[in-house]
């Protein structure tokens, strides 16, 4: 009986196989409301660490959502996407930004550009620094092998929106000139959720 009670006590406190610690969460406070994101530091560790460095340094404070890409504002692009893009204040980026990071391809991380996915903006491979975007609807052309960029390397997905999808859509529906939000939607701050 004593052995059985001991075994039950150990089983009750044991962490189940495959259980993980809670992934980091951040909250973006904007002029239009809050967006909470889960940052996948397990599958995209380098990209997540880079983003969280900017968060922890306060570099997104006074930043902005500056771009909204919708089907009707990509007239010359054969591959249409829907995203909103944000970044730090340009002065903060110039002062304290980090060097570009290596591209964590979706073919390696397994994180795909689904509705609400958070990913790093980039020009070429290994050029991402601080700007990030949020997918509106599934965007497979942003994954490795996708046709949005001629290099076919895709973008580095590193998280997902868990609260505030309505705010993401409000930002996307804000006035734009070409793909630039006019005016940009201000970021009050981005902070980790304790």
N, C-alpha and C. Protein backbone atom coordinates (compact mmCIF):
# COMPACT_ATOMS: atom_id res chain seq x y z
N UNK A 1 0.82 -1.19 0.00
CA UNK A 1 0.00 0.00 0.00
C UNK A 1 0.87 1.25 0.00
N UNK A 2 1.92 1.24 0.82
CA UNK A 2 2.81 2.39 0.92
C UNK A 2 3.48 2.65 -0.42
N UNK A 3 3.91 1.59 -1.11
CA UNK A 3 4.54 1.72 -2.42
C UNK A 3 3.56 2.32 -3.43
N UNK A 4 2.32 1.87 -3.37
CA UNK A 4 1.30 2.40 -4.28
C UNK A 4 1.06 3.88 -4.03
N UNK A 5 0.98 4.31 -2.77
CA UNK A 5 0.78 5.72 -2.45
C UNK A 5 1.97 6.56 -2.91
N UNK A 6 3.18 6.04 -2.73
CA UNK A 6 4.37 6.74 -3.17
C UNK A 6 4.37 6.88 -4.70
N UNK A 7 4.01 5.83 -5.39
CA UNK A 7 3.95 5.86 -6.86
C UNK A 7 2.90 6.87 -7.32
N UNK A 8 1.75 6.92 -6.65
CA UNK A 8 0.71 7.89 -7.02
C UNK A 8 1.16 9.32 -6.76
N UNK A 9 1.87 9.55 -5.67
CA UNK A 9 2.37 10.88 -5.35
C UNK A 9 3.39 11.35 -6.39
N UNK A 10 4.29 10.45 -6.80
CA UNK A 10 5.28 10.79 -7.82
C UNK A 10 4.59 11.06 -9.14
N UNK A 11 3.62 10.26 -9.50
CA UNK A 11 2.90 10.44 -10.76
C UNK A 11 2.14 11.77 -10.78
N UNK A 12 1.61 12.17 -9.65
CA UNK A 12 0.84 13.41 -9.58
C UNK A 12 1.73 14.64 -9.78
N UNK A 13 3.00 14.56 -9.42
CA UNK A 13 3.89 15.71 -9.55
C UNK A 13 4.78 15.63 -10.78
N UNK A 14 4.75 14.52 -11.47
CA UNK A 14 5.62 14.36 -12.64
C UNK A 14 5.10 15.21 -13.80
N UNK A 15 6.03 15.70 -14.60
CA UNK A 15 5.68 16.45 -15.81
C UNK A 15 5.45 15.43 -16.91
N UNK A 16 4.32 15.49 -17.60
CA UNK A 16 4.05 14.51 -18.64
C UNK A 16 5.11 14.58 -19.75
N UNK A 17 5.35 13.43 -20.38
CA UNK A 17 6.29 13.39 -21.48
C UNK A 17 5.82 14.34 -22.57
N UNK A 18 6.75 15.07 -23.16
CA UNK A 18 6.41 15.99 -24.23
C UNK A 18 5.88 17.34 -23.75
N UNK A 19 5.67 17.48 -22.44
CA UNK A 19 5.20 18.77 -21.94
C UNK A 19 6.32 19.79 -22.05
N UNK A 20 5.95 21.01 -22.38
CA UNK A 20 6.94 22.06 -22.53
C UNK A 20 6.64 23.18 -21.56
N UNK A 21 7.64 23.98 -21.33
CA UNK A 21 7.38 25.18 -20.55
C UNK A 21 6.58 26.13 -21.41
N UNK A 22 5.91 27.05 -20.79
CA UNK A 22 5.07 28.01 -21.51
C UNK A 22 5.95 28.88 -22.40
N UNK A 23 5.53 29.04 -23.64
CA UNK A 23 6.25 29.91 -24.57
C UNK A 23 6.05 31.36 -24.16
N UNK A 24 7.02 32.23 -24.45
CA UNK A 24 6.86 33.65 -24.10
C UNK A 24 5.69 34.28 -24.84
N UNK A 25 5.02 35.20 -24.17
CA UNK A 25 3.95 35.98 -24.77
C UNK A 25 4.32 37.45 -24.67
N UNK A 26 3.92 38.23 -25.66
CA UNK A 26 4.08 39.68 -25.61
C UNK A 26 2.74 40.32 -25.95
N UNK A 27 2.55 41.52 -25.45
CA UNK A 27 1.35 42.30 -25.78
C UNK A 27 1.81 43.57 -26.48
N UNK A 28 1.21 43.82 -27.64
CA UNK A 28 1.44 45.05 -28.39
C UNK A 28 0.27 45.98 -28.07
N UNK A 29 0.57 47.13 -27.48
CA UNK A 29 -0.47 48.14 -27.25
C UNK A 29 -0.40 49.14 -28.39
N UNK A 30 -1.48 49.26 -29.15
CA UNK A 30 -1.53 50.19 -30.27
C UNK A 30 -2.64 51.22 -30.03
N UNK A 31 -2.68 52.19 -30.90
CA UNK A 31 -3.74 53.20 -30.85
C UNK A 31 -5.11 52.59 -31.12
N UNK A 32 -5.15 51.40 -31.74
CA UNK A 32 -6.42 50.76 -32.07
C UNK A 32 -6.77 49.58 -31.16
N UNK A 33 -5.93 49.28 -30.18
CA UNK A 33 -6.20 48.17 -29.27
C UNK A 33 -4.97 47.31 -29.07
N UNK A 34 -5.17 46.20 -28.35
CA UNK A 34 -4.05 45.31 -28.00
C UNK A 34 -4.04 44.04 -28.85
N UNK A 35 -2.83 43.57 -29.10
CA UNK A 35 -2.60 42.29 -29.79
C UNK A 35 -1.66 41.48 -28.91
N UNK A 36 -2.07 40.27 -28.55
CA UNK A 36 -1.18 39.39 -27.79
C UNK A 36 -0.63 38.31 -28.73
N UNK A 37 0.68 38.09 -28.65
CA UNK A 37 1.34 37.11 -29.50
C UNK A 37 2.10 36.11 -28.66
N UNK A 38 2.08 34.86 -29.10
CA UNK A 38 2.90 33.81 -28.51
C UNK A 38 4.14 33.70 -29.39
N UNK A 39 5.31 33.73 -28.76
CA UNK A 39 6.57 33.70 -29.49
C UNK A 39 7.17 32.30 -29.38
N UNK A 40 7.37 31.65 -30.52
CA UNK A 40 7.82 30.25 -30.53
C UNK A 40 9.34 30.16 -30.45
N UNK A 41 9.83 30.22 -29.22
CA UNK A 41 11.27 30.16 -28.97
C UNK A 41 11.81 28.74 -29.06
N UNK A 42 10.93 27.75 -29.24
CA UNK A 42 11.36 26.36 -29.38
C UNK A 42 11.69 26.04 -30.83
N UNK A 43 10.77 26.36 -31.74
CA UNK A 43 10.96 26.00 -33.15
C UNK A 43 11.75 27.04 -33.94
N UNK A 44 11.72 28.30 -33.52
CA UNK A 44 12.47 29.37 -34.21
C UNK A 44 13.28 30.14 -33.17
N UNK A 45 14.26 29.47 -32.53
CA UNK A 45 14.95 30.09 -31.40
C UNK A 45 15.73 31.36 -31.73
N UNK A 46 16.41 31.41 -32.85
CA UNK A 46 17.22 32.59 -33.18
C UNK A 46 16.33 33.79 -33.52
N UNK A 47 15.28 33.55 -34.29
CA UNK A 47 14.37 34.63 -34.66
C UNK A 47 13.61 35.13 -33.44
N UNK A 48 13.13 34.21 -32.61
CA UNK A 48 12.43 34.60 -31.38
C UNK A 48 13.34 35.40 -30.47
N UNK A 49 14.58 34.96 -30.30
CA UNK A 49 15.52 35.67 -29.43
C UNK A 49 15.80 37.07 -29.97
N UNK A 50 15.93 37.20 -31.28
CA UNK A 50 16.16 38.51 -31.89
C UNK A 50 14.98 39.45 -31.60
N UNK A 51 13.76 38.97 -31.85
CA UNK A 51 12.57 39.79 -31.62
C UNK A 51 12.47 40.19 -30.15
N UNK A 52 12.68 39.22 -29.24
CA UNK A 52 12.57 39.51 -27.81
C UNK A 52 13.66 40.47 -27.33
N UNK A 53 14.82 40.47 -27.98
CA UNK A 53 15.86 41.46 -27.67
C UNK A 53 15.33 42.88 -27.92
N UNK A 54 14.68 43.06 -29.06
CA UNK A 54 14.10 44.37 -29.37
C UNK A 54 12.99 44.73 -28.38
N UNK A 55 12.16 43.76 -28.03
CA UNK A 55 11.09 43.99 -27.05
C UNK A 55 11.69 44.41 -25.71
N UNK A 56 12.64 43.61 -25.21
CA UNK A 56 13.22 43.87 -23.89
C UNK A 56 13.99 45.18 -23.82
N UNK A 57 14.55 45.61 -24.96
CA UNK A 57 15.29 46.88 -25.00
C UNK A 57 14.35 48.08 -25.15
N UNK A 58 13.06 47.82 -25.32
CA UNK A 58 12.09 48.90 -25.47
C UNK A 58 12.14 49.59 -26.82
N UNK A 59 12.72 48.94 -27.82
CA UNK A 59 12.91 49.59 -29.12
C UNK A 59 11.62 49.72 -29.94
N UNK A 60 10.58 48.98 -29.57
CA UNK A 60 9.31 49.13 -30.29
C UNK A 60 8.44 50.24 -29.68
N UNK A 61 8.81 50.75 -28.50
CA UNK A 61 8.07 51.86 -27.91
C UNK A 61 8.14 53.04 -28.87
N UNK A 62 7.00 53.62 -29.19
CA UNK A 62 6.87 54.71 -30.15
C UNK A 62 7.13 54.24 -31.59
N UNK A 63 7.12 52.93 -31.81
CA UNK A 63 7.22 52.41 -33.17
C UNK A 63 5.87 52.52 -33.85
N UNK A 64 5.71 51.77 -34.95
CA UNK A 64 4.46 51.90 -35.67
C UNK A 64 4.21 50.73 -36.60
N UNK A 65 2.92 50.46 -36.84
CA UNK A 65 2.51 49.63 -37.97
C UNK A 65 2.48 50.60 -39.15
N UNK A 66 3.30 50.35 -40.15
CA UNK A 66 3.47 51.31 -41.24
C UNK A 66 3.04 50.79 -42.61
N UNK A 67 2.69 49.50 -42.69
CA UNK A 67 2.38 48.92 -44.00
C UNK A 67 1.19 47.97 -43.88
N UNK A 68 0.29 48.04 -44.84
CA UNK A 68 -0.83 47.10 -44.93
C UNK A 68 -0.90 46.63 -46.38
N UNK A 69 -0.69 45.34 -46.58
CA UNK A 69 -0.71 44.76 -47.92
C UNK A 69 -2.02 44.01 -48.08
N UNK A 70 -2.79 44.42 -49.08
CA UNK A 70 -4.10 43.83 -49.36
C UNK A 70 -4.17 43.50 -50.84
N UNK A 71 -5.13 42.68 -51.24
CA UNK A 71 -5.22 42.30 -52.65
C UNK A 71 -5.29 43.49 -53.61
N UNK A 72 -5.95 44.57 -53.19
CA UNK A 72 -6.15 45.69 -54.12
C UNK A 72 -4.98 46.68 -54.19
N UNK A 73 -3.95 46.52 -53.36
CA UNK A 73 -2.83 47.47 -53.45
C UNK A 73 -1.52 46.80 -53.88
N UNK A 74 -1.63 45.71 -54.63
CA UNK A 74 -0.47 45.02 -55.19
C UNK A 74 -0.67 44.81 -56.70
N UNK A 75 -0.94 45.89 -57.44
CA UNK A 75 -1.35 45.72 -58.83
C UNK A 75 -0.33 45.04 -59.72
N UNK A 76 0.95 45.17 -59.43
CA UNK A 76 1.97 44.58 -60.31
C UNK A 76 2.52 43.26 -59.80
N UNK A 77 2.10 42.84 -58.61
CA UNK A 77 2.62 41.59 -58.06
C UNK A 77 1.78 40.40 -58.54
N UNK A 78 2.44 39.40 -59.15
CA UNK A 78 1.69 38.22 -59.56
C UNK A 78 1.30 37.32 -58.38
N UNK A 79 1.94 37.51 -57.25
CA UNK A 79 1.65 36.71 -56.05
C UNK A 79 1.14 37.66 -54.97
N UNK A 80 -0.15 37.60 -54.72
CA UNK A 80 -0.80 38.49 -53.75
C UNK A 80 -0.70 37.90 -52.34
N UNK A 81 -0.48 38.79 -51.37
CA UNK A 81 -0.46 38.39 -49.97
C UNK A 81 -1.29 39.39 -49.17
N UNK A 82 -1.57 39.04 -47.91
CA UNK A 82 -2.23 39.97 -47.00
C UNK A 82 -1.50 39.93 -45.66
N UNK A 83 -0.86 41.07 -45.33
CA UNK A 83 -0.12 41.21 -44.07
C UNK A 83 -0.19 42.66 -43.61
N UNK A 84 0.10 42.86 -42.32
CA UNK A 84 0.41 44.19 -41.81
C UNK A 84 1.83 44.12 -41.26
N UNK A 85 2.58 45.20 -41.44
CA UNK A 85 3.99 45.21 -41.05
C UNK A 85 4.26 46.33 -40.07
N UNK A 86 5.12 46.04 -39.08
CA UNK A 86 5.46 47.00 -38.04
C UNK A 86 6.96 47.02 -37.81
N UNK A 87 7.40 48.08 -37.16
CA UNK A 87 8.81 48.18 -36.80
C UNK A 87 9.01 49.24 -35.74
N UNK A 88 10.22 49.32 -35.23
CA UNK A 88 10.53 50.32 -34.21
C UNK A 88 10.61 51.72 -34.82
N UNK A 89 10.63 52.70 -33.97
CA UNK A 89 10.91 54.06 -34.38
C UNK A 89 12.27 54.05 -35.08
N UNK A 90 12.39 54.74 -36.21
CA UNK A 90 13.63 54.66 -37.00
C UNK A 90 14.84 55.19 -36.24
N UNK A 91 14.66 56.18 -35.37
CA UNK A 91 15.79 56.69 -34.59
C UNK A 91 16.27 55.63 -33.61
N UNK A 92 15.33 54.91 -32.97
CA UNK A 92 15.71 53.86 -32.02
C UNK A 92 16.42 52.73 -32.74
N UNK A 93 15.95 52.38 -33.93
CA UNK A 93 16.57 51.30 -34.70
C UNK A 93 18.02 51.67 -35.04
N UNK A 94 18.22 52.91 -35.49
CA UNK A 94 19.57 53.34 -35.86
C UNK A 94 20.50 53.39 -34.66
N UNK A 95 19.94 53.79 -33.51
CA UNK A 95 20.76 53.93 -32.31
C UNK A 95 21.16 52.60 -31.68
N UNK A 96 20.18 51.70 -31.54
CA UNK A 96 20.45 50.51 -30.74
C UNK A 96 20.04 49.20 -31.40
N UNK A 97 19.82 49.21 -32.70
CA UNK A 97 19.39 47.99 -33.37
C UNK A 97 20.48 46.93 -33.42
N UNK A 98 20.06 45.71 -33.71
CA UNK A 98 21.00 44.59 -33.79
C UNK A 98 21.36 44.32 -35.25
N UNK A 99 22.39 43.53 -35.42
CA UNK A 99 22.82 43.12 -36.76
C UNK A 99 21.79 42.16 -37.36
N UNK A 100 21.74 42.05 -38.68
CA UNK A 100 20.82 41.10 -39.32
C UNK A 100 21.06 39.68 -38.82
N UNK A 101 20.00 38.87 -38.84
CA UNK A 101 20.09 37.50 -38.36
C UNK A 101 19.93 36.51 -39.50
N UNK A 102 20.39 35.29 -39.25
CA UNK A 102 20.24 34.21 -40.24
C UNK A 102 18.76 33.85 -40.38
N UNK A 103 18.37 33.52 -41.59
CA UNK A 103 16.99 33.17 -41.90
C UNK A 103 16.69 31.75 -41.41
N UNK A 104 15.72 31.62 -40.50
CA UNK A 104 15.24 30.31 -40.05
C UNK A 104 14.07 29.93 -40.96
N UNK A 105 14.37 29.14 -41.96
CA UNK A 105 13.39 28.78 -42.98
C UNK A 105 12.27 27.90 -42.43
N UNK A 106 11.09 28.06 -43.01
CA UNK A 106 9.95 27.26 -42.57
C UNK A 106 10.16 25.78 -42.84
N UNK A 107 11.02 25.46 -43.81
CA UNK A 107 11.32 24.05 -44.10
C UNK A 107 12.09 23.40 -42.95
N UNK A 108 12.71 24.22 -42.11
CA UNK A 108 13.45 23.72 -40.95
C UNK A 108 12.61 23.83 -39.68
N UNK A 109 11.93 24.97 -39.50
CA UNK A 109 11.20 25.20 -38.25
C UNK A 109 9.85 24.49 -38.22
N UNK A 110 9.25 24.29 -39.39
CA UNK A 110 7.91 23.70 -39.45
C UNK A 110 6.80 24.70 -39.16
N UNK A 111 7.15 25.96 -38.91
CA UNK A 111 6.16 27.00 -38.65
C UNK A 111 5.74 27.61 -39.98
N UNK A 112 4.47 27.50 -40.31
CA UNK A 112 3.98 27.96 -41.60
C UNK A 112 3.22 29.28 -41.46
N UNK A 113 3.10 29.98 -42.55
CA UNK A 113 2.44 31.28 -42.58
C UNK A 113 0.93 31.10 -42.70
N UNK A 114 0.32 30.80 -41.58
CA UNK A 114 -1.14 30.64 -41.47
C UNK A 114 -1.73 31.95 -40.96
N UNK A 115 -3.06 32.02 -40.92
CA UNK A 115 -3.74 33.20 -40.41
C UNK A 115 -3.24 33.51 -39.00
N UNK A 116 -2.76 34.73 -38.76
CA UNK A 116 -2.28 35.14 -37.45
C UNK A 116 -0.81 34.85 -37.19
N UNK A 117 -0.11 34.24 -38.15
CA UNK A 117 1.32 33.97 -37.95
C UNK A 117 2.10 35.27 -37.93
N UNK A 118 3.10 35.33 -37.05
CA UNK A 118 4.00 36.47 -36.94
C UNK A 118 5.33 36.05 -37.56
N UNK A 119 5.92 36.92 -38.39
CA UNK A 119 7.12 36.56 -39.13
C UNK A 119 8.00 37.80 -39.29
N UNK A 120 9.26 37.58 -39.60
CA UNK A 120 10.20 38.69 -39.79
C UNK A 120 10.18 39.16 -41.24
N UNK A 121 10.17 40.49 -41.41
CA UNK A 121 10.30 41.08 -42.74
C UNK A 121 11.77 41.00 -43.14
N UNK A 122 12.02 40.92 -44.45
CA UNK A 122 13.39 40.87 -44.93
C UNK A 122 13.44 41.31 -46.38
N UNK A 123 14.66 41.63 -46.84
CA UNK A 123 14.91 41.85 -48.26
C UNK A 123 15.41 40.52 -48.81
N UNK A 124 16.70 40.26 -48.66
CA UNK A 124 17.28 38.99 -49.07
C UNK A 124 17.39 38.05 -47.88
N UNK A 125 17.83 36.81 -48.11
CA UNK A 125 18.07 35.90 -46.99
C UNK A 125 19.10 36.50 -46.03
N UNK A 126 18.93 36.25 -44.77
CA UNK A 126 19.87 36.68 -43.73
C UNK A 126 19.96 38.21 -43.60
N UNK A 127 18.85 38.91 -43.85
CA UNK A 127 18.85 40.37 -43.73
C UNK A 127 17.84 40.90 -42.71
N UNK A 128 17.05 40.03 -42.08
CA UNK A 128 16.03 40.48 -41.14
C UNK A 128 16.67 41.12 -39.92
N UNK A 129 16.08 42.22 -39.47
CA UNK A 129 16.55 42.87 -38.24
C UNK A 129 15.38 43.05 -37.27
N UNK A 130 14.57 44.08 -37.46
CA UNK A 130 13.55 44.43 -36.46
C UNK A 130 12.11 44.44 -36.97
N UNK A 131 11.88 44.71 -38.24
CA UNK A 131 10.51 44.76 -38.74
C UNK A 131 9.90 43.36 -38.75
N UNK A 132 8.63 43.31 -38.39
CA UNK A 132 7.90 42.03 -38.39
C UNK A 132 6.55 42.25 -39.04
N UNK A 133 5.91 41.15 -39.43
CA UNK A 133 4.57 41.26 -40.00
C UNK A 133 3.67 40.18 -39.45
N UNK A 134 2.36 40.42 -39.60
CA UNK A 134 1.33 39.48 -39.16
C UNK A 134 0.51 39.11 -40.38
N UNK A 135 0.33 37.80 -40.58
CA UNK A 135 -0.45 37.30 -41.72
C UNK A 135 -1.94 37.44 -41.47
N UNK A 136 -2.65 37.83 -42.51
CA UNK A 136 -4.10 37.88 -42.48
C UNK A 136 -4.57 36.83 -43.49
N UNK A 137 -5.11 35.75 -42.97
CA UNK A 137 -5.42 34.59 -43.80
C UNK A 137 -4.15 33.76 -44.01
N UNK A 138 -4.30 32.57 -44.56
CA UNK A 138 -3.15 31.70 -44.82
C UNK A 138 -2.34 32.28 -45.98
N UNK A 139 -1.02 32.29 -45.84
CA UNK A 139 -0.12 32.89 -46.84
C UNK A 139 0.99 31.90 -47.20
N UNK A 140 0.67 30.79 -47.87
CA UNK A 140 1.69 29.78 -48.18
C UNK A 140 2.81 30.27 -49.09
N UNK A 141 2.57 31.33 -49.85
CA UNK A 141 3.63 31.85 -50.73
C UNK A 141 4.75 32.53 -49.95
N UNK A 142 4.57 32.69 -48.63
CA UNK A 142 5.62 33.25 -47.77
C UNK A 142 6.47 32.16 -47.12
N UNK A 143 6.07 30.89 -47.29
CA UNK A 143 6.83 29.76 -46.76
C UNK A 143 8.00 29.44 -47.68
N UNK A 144 8.92 28.61 -47.20
CA UNK A 144 10.03 28.14 -48.04
C UNK A 144 9.46 27.51 -49.31
N UNK A 145 10.02 27.88 -50.45
CA UNK A 145 9.52 27.39 -51.74
C UNK A 145 8.41 28.24 -52.31
N UNK A 146 7.91 29.21 -51.53
CA UNK A 146 6.85 30.09 -52.01
C UNK A 146 7.37 31.06 -53.06
N UNK A 147 6.45 31.64 -53.80
CA UNK A 147 6.84 32.47 -54.94
C UNK A 147 6.80 33.97 -54.66
N UNK A 148 6.55 34.39 -53.42
CA UNK A 148 6.49 35.83 -53.16
C UNK A 148 7.85 36.48 -53.41
N UNK A 149 8.93 35.82 -53.03
CA UNK A 149 10.29 36.30 -53.33
C UNK A 149 10.92 35.38 -54.35
N UNK A 150 11.63 35.96 -55.29
CA UNK A 150 12.26 35.16 -56.35
C UNK A 150 13.24 34.13 -55.80
N UNK A 151 13.82 34.39 -54.63
CA UNK A 151 14.81 33.44 -54.09
C UNK A 151 14.17 32.17 -53.53
N UNK A 152 12.86 32.16 -53.32
CA UNK A 152 12.16 30.96 -52.86
C UNK A 152 12.48 30.54 -51.43
N UNK A 153 13.20 31.37 -50.69
CA UNK A 153 13.62 31.00 -49.34
C UNK A 153 12.56 31.26 -48.28
N UNK A 154 11.54 32.02 -48.62
CA UNK A 154 10.47 32.30 -47.67
C UNK A 154 10.90 33.25 -46.57
N UNK A 155 10.08 33.34 -45.56
CA UNK A 155 10.30 34.23 -44.44
C UNK A 155 10.35 33.41 -43.15
N UNK A 156 10.87 34.01 -42.08
CA UNK A 156 11.05 33.31 -40.81
C UNK A 156 9.85 33.52 -39.88
N UNK A 157 8.91 32.60 -39.91
CA UNK A 157 7.78 32.63 -38.98
C UNK A 157 8.31 32.33 -37.58
N UNK A 158 7.80 33.06 -36.58
CA UNK A 158 8.32 32.82 -35.22
C UNK A 158 7.27 32.98 -34.13
N UNK A 159 6.01 33.09 -34.49
CA UNK A 159 4.99 33.23 -33.47
C UNK A 159 3.61 33.29 -34.08
N UNK A 160 2.62 33.58 -33.20
CA UNK A 160 1.23 33.66 -33.68
C UNK A 160 0.43 34.56 -32.76
N UNK A 161 -0.58 35.18 -33.34
CA UNK A 161 -1.49 36.02 -32.58
C UNK A 161 -2.44 35.11 -31.80
N UNK A 162 -2.56 35.34 -30.49
CA UNK A 162 -3.46 34.54 -29.67
C UNK A 162 -4.64 35.37 -29.14
N UNK A 163 -4.54 36.69 -29.27
CA UNK A 163 -5.63 37.58 -28.88
C UNK A 163 -5.47 38.88 -29.65
N UNK A 164 -6.58 39.42 -30.14
CA UNK A 164 -6.52 40.71 -30.83
C UNK A 164 -6.54 40.61 -32.34
N UNK A 165 -7.05 39.50 -32.89
CA UNK A 165 -7.16 39.38 -34.35
C UNK A 165 -8.03 40.49 -34.92
N UNK A 166 -9.02 40.94 -34.15
CA UNK A 166 -9.86 42.05 -34.61
C UNK A 166 -9.06 43.34 -34.76
N UNK A 167 -8.07 43.53 -33.89
CA UNK A 167 -7.21 44.71 -33.98
C UNK A 167 -6.32 44.61 -35.22
N UNK A 168 -5.81 43.41 -35.50
CA UNK A 168 -5.01 43.20 -36.71
C UNK A 168 -5.82 43.61 -37.94
N UNK A 169 -7.06 43.19 -37.99
CA UNK A 169 -7.91 43.52 -39.15
C UNK A 169 -8.25 45.02 -39.20
N UNK A 170 -8.43 45.64 -38.05
CA UNK A 170 -8.66 47.10 -38.02
C UNK A 170 -7.45 47.83 -38.61
N UNK A 171 -6.26 47.38 -38.23
CA UNK A 171 -5.04 48.02 -38.76
C UNK A 171 -4.99 47.83 -40.27
N UNK A 172 -5.28 46.62 -40.74
CA UNK A 172 -5.23 46.37 -42.18
C UNK A 172 -6.23 47.23 -42.94
N UNK A 173 -7.37 47.51 -42.33
CA UNK A 173 -8.42 48.29 -43.00
C UNK A 173 -8.25 49.80 -42.83
N UNK A 174 -7.19 50.23 -42.15
CA UNK A 174 -6.92 51.66 -42.00
C UNK A 174 -6.53 52.25 -43.35
N UNK A 175 -6.64 53.57 -43.51
CA UNK A 175 -6.30 54.20 -44.79
C UNK A 175 -4.85 53.93 -45.21
N UNK A 176 -4.68 53.68 -46.52
CA UNK A 176 -3.34 53.44 -47.07
C UNK A 176 -3.13 54.28 -48.32
N UNK A 177 -1.87 54.61 -48.57
CA UNK A 177 -1.45 55.19 -49.84
C UNK A 177 -0.45 54.21 -50.39
N UNK A 178 -0.77 53.58 -51.52
CA UNK A 178 -0.01 52.42 -52.01
C UNK A 178 -0.13 51.36 -50.92
N UNK A 179 0.97 50.99 -50.27
CA UNK A 179 0.89 50.02 -49.16
C UNK A 179 1.24 50.67 -47.82
N UNK A 180 1.45 51.96 -47.80
CA UNK A 180 1.82 52.68 -46.58
C UNK A 180 0.58 53.11 -45.82
N UNK A 181 0.51 52.78 -44.54
CA UNK A 181 -0.59 53.24 -43.71
C UNK A 181 -0.47 54.75 -43.55
N UNK A 182 -1.57 55.47 -43.80
CA UNK A 182 -1.54 56.93 -43.74
C UNK A 182 -2.67 57.44 -42.84
N UNK A 183 -2.38 57.79 -41.61
CA UNK A 183 -1.07 57.75 -40.98
C UNK A 183 -0.75 56.35 -40.44
N UNK A 184 0.51 56.13 -40.07
CA UNK A 184 0.84 54.84 -39.44
C UNK A 184 0.05 54.67 -38.14
N UNK A 185 -0.15 53.42 -37.75
CA UNK A 185 -0.82 53.12 -36.48
C UNK A 185 0.26 52.99 -35.42
N UNK A 186 0.22 53.88 -34.45
CA UNK A 186 1.27 53.94 -33.44
C UNK A 186 1.29 52.75 -32.50
N UNK A 187 2.50 52.33 -32.15
CA UNK A 187 2.71 51.31 -31.12
C UNK A 187 3.07 52.06 -29.84
N UNK A 188 2.24 51.91 -28.83
CA UNK A 188 2.56 52.53 -27.53
C UNK A 188 3.75 51.81 -26.94
N UNK A 189 3.67 50.47 -26.90
CA UNK A 189 4.80 49.65 -26.48
C UNK A 189 4.50 48.19 -26.78
N UNK A 190 5.53 47.38 -26.69
CA UNK A 190 5.41 45.93 -26.74
C UNK A 190 6.15 45.40 -25.52
N UNK A 191 5.44 44.64 -24.71
CA UNK A 191 6.05 44.12 -23.48
C UNK A 191 5.72 42.65 -23.31
N UNK A 192 6.62 41.95 -22.63
CA UNK A 192 6.35 40.55 -22.30
C UNK A 192 5.22 40.47 -21.30
N UNK A 193 4.44 39.40 -21.42
CA UNK A 193 3.40 39.11 -20.43
C UNK A 193 4.08 38.32 -19.33
N UNK A 194 3.98 38.79 -18.08
CA UNK A 194 4.66 38.07 -16.99
C UNK A 194 4.09 36.67 -16.77
